[in-house]
Amino acid sequence: MFAQLTDSPLLAYRTRNNGDFFHDVYADKKYSNTQTQKTDGELYFHNDRTAHPVRADFLSLLGMRSSEENLIYTGYVDGRSILENLKAESQEWLRKSLFITPFDDYSRDSNINQIDSEPHPILGNIHTFRYYDTRTTYTPEAPIEAIKALFDLKIAITKAKKSRVSINKGDLFSFANQDSLHNREIIQIKDSVSAEKRWLLKTYSFRSPEEMDKYYDYFDADLPGFVVAE
């Protein structure tokens, strides 16, 4: 309903969560301490689906089950805040296709062909980022300037102003996936059982029908927004 009200069409992938448009985000022991949406641990700053060529403009997270006793936050940093701490020369190198991002464990289990992304820039438009901390790295042929720019980005993220959002039952947090970075931060667990049962409902969406149409060749012919070409 939120996507319909904001005219931002939903996005789904045939090989992601059985092709669901609605993603159940909860802990799965198989992915304990991994950097996937099914982890029981923290997630580093990133964009969702960093490695995939079709990425959501917006994420929406709805709290379905969450204990307010546990301090588990979604951290958020605006891309503009990162730019404020990023050298101009570094920004130029980050705009070149000299970087790659490996797919996460959950993606690889869903699609054995998803190993690494194609070479891509980290920075696009004005403050659009394509980055997953600890995973996005430089290509083998990248010059030393590009490697230094990647280190400069890590410093800029550390210095950037950040916000924490507590998503409790019934809360909806919607934000720009590509114009920002987000994480999952665990401050304190008082009830480990309820922490294991924490459940968010997530949707991916495009900023407009026109933006969705740019990826037409990736979609099922009868279901726009459903990625089948991967």
Protein backbone atom coordinates (compact mmCIF):
# COMPACT_ATOMS: atom_id res chain seq x y z
CA MET A 1 0.00 0.00 0.00
CA PHE A 2 2.83 2.39 0.85
CA ALA A 3 4.42 1.72 -2.55
CA GLN A 4 1.11 2.41 -4.29
CA LEU A 5 0.56 5.67 -2.39
CA THR A 6 4.05 6.89 -3.30
CA ASP A 7 3.85 5.57 -6.90
CA SER A 8 7.05 3.56 -6.39
CA PRO A 9 6.63 0.12 -8.06
CA LEU A 10 7.86 -2.93 -6.19
CA LEU A 11 10.89 -4.96 -7.23
CA ALA A 12 11.52 -8.70 -6.79
CA TYR A 13 13.99 -11.31 -8.05
CA ARG A 14 13.16 -14.82 -9.26
CA THR A 15 16.12 -16.27 -7.32
CA ARG A 16 15.63 -14.19 -4.15
CA ASN A 17 13.28 -15.52 -1.45
CA ASN A 18 11.43 -17.72 -3.95
CA GLY A 19 10.57 -14.69 -6.06
CA ASP A 20 8.63 -12.95 -3.28
CA PHE A 21 7.91 -9.23 -3.49
CA PHE A 22 7.67 -9.24 0.31
CA HIS A 23 10.81 -10.35 2.16
CA ASP A 24 10.69 -11.87 5.63
CA VAL A 25 13.82 -10.66 7.44
CA TYR A 26 14.55 -12.94 10.37
CA ALA A 27 17.43 -14.93 11.83
CA ASP A 28 18.33 -18.26 10.24
CA LYS A 29 21.01 -20.27 12.06
CA LYS A 30 22.46 -21.35 8.71
CA TYR A 31 23.47 -17.73 8.09
CA SER A 32 24.62 -16.93 11.62
CA ASN A 33 27.23 -14.14 11.67
CA THR A 34 27.13 -13.66 7.89
CA GLN A 35 26.49 -10.46 5.99
CA THR A 36 23.02 -11.44 4.76
CA GLN A 37 19.48 -10.41 5.68
CA LYS A 38 19.07 -13.75 7.49
CA THR A 39 21.93 -13.14 9.92
CA ASP A 40 21.53 -13.02 13.68
CA GLY A 41 24.40 -10.57 13.95
CA GLU A 42 25.29 -7.07 12.87
CA LEU A 43 25.37 -5.83 9.28
CA TYR A 44 28.00 -3.36 8.13
CA PHE A 45 27.10 -0.19 6.24
CA HIS A 46 25.86 -1.03 2.76
CA ASN A 47 23.21 -0.73 0.07
CA ASP A 48 20.93 -3.71 -0.43
CA ARG A 49 21.76 -5.93 -3.43
CA THR A 50 25.02 -4.05 -4.04
CA ALA A 51 26.34 -6.70 -6.42
CA HIS A 52 23.21 -6.96 -8.58
CA PRO A 53 22.75 -4.83 -11.73
CA VAL A 54 19.10 -4.09 -10.80
CA ARG A 55 18.96 -2.38 -7.43
CA ALA A 56 16.14 -0.81 -5.47
CA ASP A 57 15.85 2.95 -5.16
CA PHE A 58 13.97 2.57 -1.88
CA LEU A 59 13.71 0.05 0.94
CA SER A 60 10.76 -0.16 3.31
CA LEU A 61 11.04 -2.05 6.59
CA LEU A 62 7.93 -2.86 8.62
CA GLY A 63 8.29 -4.09 12.19
CA MET A 64 6.28 -7.29 12.60
CA ARG A 65 7.81 -8.72 15.78
CA SER A 66 10.36 -6.95 17.95
CA SER A 67 11.14 -6.70 21.66
CA GLU A 68 11.72 -3.18 22.91
CA GLU A 69 13.95 -4.66 25.64
CA ASN A 70 16.63 -5.39 23.05
CA LEU A 71 18.54 -2.45 21.61
CA ILE A 72 18.82 -3.37 17.92
CA TYR A 73 18.98 -0.44 15.55
CA THR A 74 19.00 0.25 11.84
CA GLY A 75 21.77 2.78 11.30
CA TYR A 76 21.46 5.33 8.49
CA VAL A 77 23.98 7.66 6.87
CA ASP A 78 22.98 10.07 4.09
CA GLY A 79 25.17 10.04 0.99
CA ARG A 80 25.53 13.82 1.18
CA SER A 81 27.11 13.50 4.61
CA ILE A 82 29.66 11.05 3.20
CA LEU A 83 30.55 13.46 0.38
CA GLU A 84 31.25 16.23 2.88
CA ASN A 85 34.17 14.16 4.19
CA LEU A 86 35.37 12.76 0.87
CA LYS A 87 38.20 14.41 -1.06
CA ALA A 88 37.35 15.71 -4.53
CA GLU A 89 40.10 13.60 -6.12
CA SER A 90 38.79 10.49 -4.39
CA GLN A 91 35.28 11.22 -5.65
CA GLU A 92 36.56 11.28 -9.23
CA TRP A 93 38.26 7.89 -8.90
CA LEU A 94 35.21 6.39 -7.20
CA ARG A 95 33.15 7.32 -10.27
CA LYS A 96 35.18 4.92 -12.45
CA SER A 97 34.31 1.23 -13.00
CA LEU A 98 37.29 0.00 -11.03
CA PHE A 99 35.48 -1.82 -8.21
CA ILE A 100 33.64 -5.11 -7.69
CA THR A 101 31.29 -6.47 -5.02
CA PRO A 102 31.01 -10.21 -4.30
CA PHE A 103 27.47 -11.56 -3.84
CA ASP A 104 26.52 -12.54 -0.29
CA ASP A 105 26.16 -16.14 0.94
CA TYR A 106 22.37 -16.13 0.69
CA SER A 107 22.48 -14.93 -2.94
CA ARG A 108 25.05 -17.55 -3.88
CA ASP A 109 22.94 -20.30 -2.33
CA SER A 110 19.95 -19.08 -4.35
CA ASN A 111 21.85 -18.73 -7.64
CA ILE A 112 25.20 -20.49 -8.18
CA ASN A 113 26.00 -18.08 -11.02
CA GLN A 114 26.09 -15.11 -8.67
CA ILE A 115 29.72 -14.89 -7.60
CA ASP A 116 30.99 -11.35 -8.20
CA SER A 117 29.41 -8.24 -9.67
CA GLU A 118 30.62 -6.74 -12.91
CA PRO A 119 33.19 -3.93 -12.45
CA HIS A 120 31.26 -0.88 -11.28
CA PRO A 121 31.75 2.64 -9.94
CA ILE A 122 31.10 3.22 -6.26
CA LEU A 123 29.86 6.78 -6.68
CA GLY A 124 27.22 7.87 -9.21
CA ASN A 125 24.87 10.78 -9.91
CA ILE A 126 25.51 13.37 -7.16
CA HIS A 127 25.53 11.26 -3.99
CA THR A 128 24.48 7.77 -5.11
CA PHE A 129 26.63 4.99 -3.67
CA ARG A 130 27.10 1.35 -4.62
CA TYR A 131 29.06 -0.03 -1.71
CA TYR A 132 29.13 -2.78 0.92
CA ASP A 133 31.69 -2.28 3.67
CA THR A 134 34.18 -5.19 3.98
CA ARG A 135 32.98 -6.66 0.64
CA THR A 136 33.25 -4.02 -2.08
CA THR A 137 36.86 -3.89 -3.25
CA TYR A 138 39.01 -2.77 -6.19
CA THR A 139 39.54 -4.71 -9.42
CA PRO A 140 42.94 -6.33 -10.12
CA GLU A 141 43.78 -3.66 -12.70
CA ALA A 142 42.81 -0.70 -10.51
CA PRO A 143 45.59 1.90 -10.15
CA ILE A 144 46.92 2.95 -6.77
CA GLU A 145 44.81 6.13 -6.92
CA ALA A 146 41.60 4.08 -6.97
CA ILE A 147 42.78 1.98 -4.02
CA LYS A 148 43.58 5.14 -2.04
CA ALA A 149 40.12 6.50 -2.92
CA LEU A 150 38.54 3.36 -1.45
CA PHE A 151 40.44 3.90 1.81
CA ASP A 152 39.40 7.56 1.78
CA LEU A 153 35.76 6.45 1.45
CA LYS A 154 36.07 4.24 4.53
CA ILE A 155 37.38 7.21 6.50
CA ALA A 156 34.58 9.44 5.16
CA ILE A 157 31.93 6.92 6.27
CA THR A 158 33.44 6.81 9.74
CA LYS A 159 33.31 10.62 9.99
CA ALA A 160 29.84 11.04 8.46
CA LYS A 161 26.83 11.96 10.61
CA LYS A 162 24.74 8.89 11.40
CA SER A 163 21.25 8.22 12.73
CA ARG A 164 19.83 5.23 14.58
CA VAL A 165 16.28 4.00 14.05
CA SER A 166 14.56 1.49 16.32
CA ILE A 167 11.99 -0.46 14.29
CA ASN A 168 9.43 -1.80 16.73
CA LYS A 169 6.16 -3.61 16.04
CA GLY A 170 4.05 -1.56 13.63
CA ASP A 171 6.84 0.90 12.74
CA LEU A 172 7.55 1.58 9.06
CA PHE A 173 10.97 2.88 8.04
CA SER A 174 11.35 3.76 4.35
CA PHE A 175 14.55 5.26 2.96
CA ALA A 176 16.65 5.75 -0.17
CA ASN A 177 18.69 2.60 -0.74
CA GLN A 178 21.20 4.03 -3.22
CA ASP A 179 21.50 7.60 -1.93
CA SER A 180 22.49 6.40 1.52
CA LEU A 181 24.04 3.52 3.44
CA HIS A 182 22.43 1.56 6.26
CA ASN A 183 23.45 -1.12 8.75
CA ARG A 184 22.18 -3.22 11.64
CA GLU A 185 23.73 -2.38 14.98
CA ILE A 186 23.26 -4.45 18.13
CA ILE A 187 23.83 -2.41 21.28
CA GLN A 188 22.36 -4.67 23.96
CA ILE A 189 20.46 -7.96 24.10
CA LYS A 190 18.44 -8.53 27.27
CA ASP A 191 16.16 -11.24 25.87
CA SER A 192 18.08 -13.55 23.52
CA VAL A 193 14.99 -15.63 22.68
CA SER A 194 13.01 -12.63 21.43
CA ALA A 195 16.08 -11.38 19.56
CA GLU A 196 16.15 -14.64 17.61
CA LYS A 197 12.46 -14.16 16.75
CA ARG A 198 12.81 -10.55 15.59
CA TRP A 199 10.95 -10.20 12.28
CA LEU A 200 10.84 -7.38 9.76
CA LEU A 201 8.92 -7.31 6.51
CA LYS A 202 10.91 -5.69 3.70
CA THR A 203 10.03 -4.46 0.22
CA TYR A 204 12.23 -3.13 -2.58
CA SER A 205 10.88 -0.42 -4.88
CA PHE A 206 11.80 1.90 -7.75
CA ARG A 207 11.46 5.65 -7.33
CA SER A 208 8.95 5.83 -10.22
CA PRO A 209 7.39 3.78 -13.02
CA GLU A 210 9.73 5.57 -15.44
CA GLU A 211 12.77 4.43 -13.48
CA MET A 212 11.46 0.85 -13.44
CA ASP A 213 11.05 0.91 -17.23
CA LYS A 214 14.82 1.41 -17.65
CA TYR A 215 15.27 -2.24 -16.59
CA TYR A 216 12.58 -3.65 -18.86
CA ASP A 217 14.93 -6.25 -20.41
CA TYR A 218 15.51 -7.87 -17.02
CA PHE A 219 11.82 -8.43 -16.23
CA ASP A 220 9.32 -11.17 -16.87
CA ALA A 221 7.30 -10.08 -19.91
CA ASP A 222 4.02 -10.35 -17.99
CA LEU A 223 5.20 -9.03 -14.63
CA PRO A 224 7.06 -5.68 -14.61
CA GLY A 225 9.44 -5.39 -11.68
CA PHE A 226 10.04 -9.15 -11.47
CA VAL A 227 13.68 -9.79 -12.40
CA VAL A 228 14.23 -13.04 -14.29
CA ALA A 229 17.40 -12.18 -16.29
CA GLU A 230 20.24 -12.60 -13.78
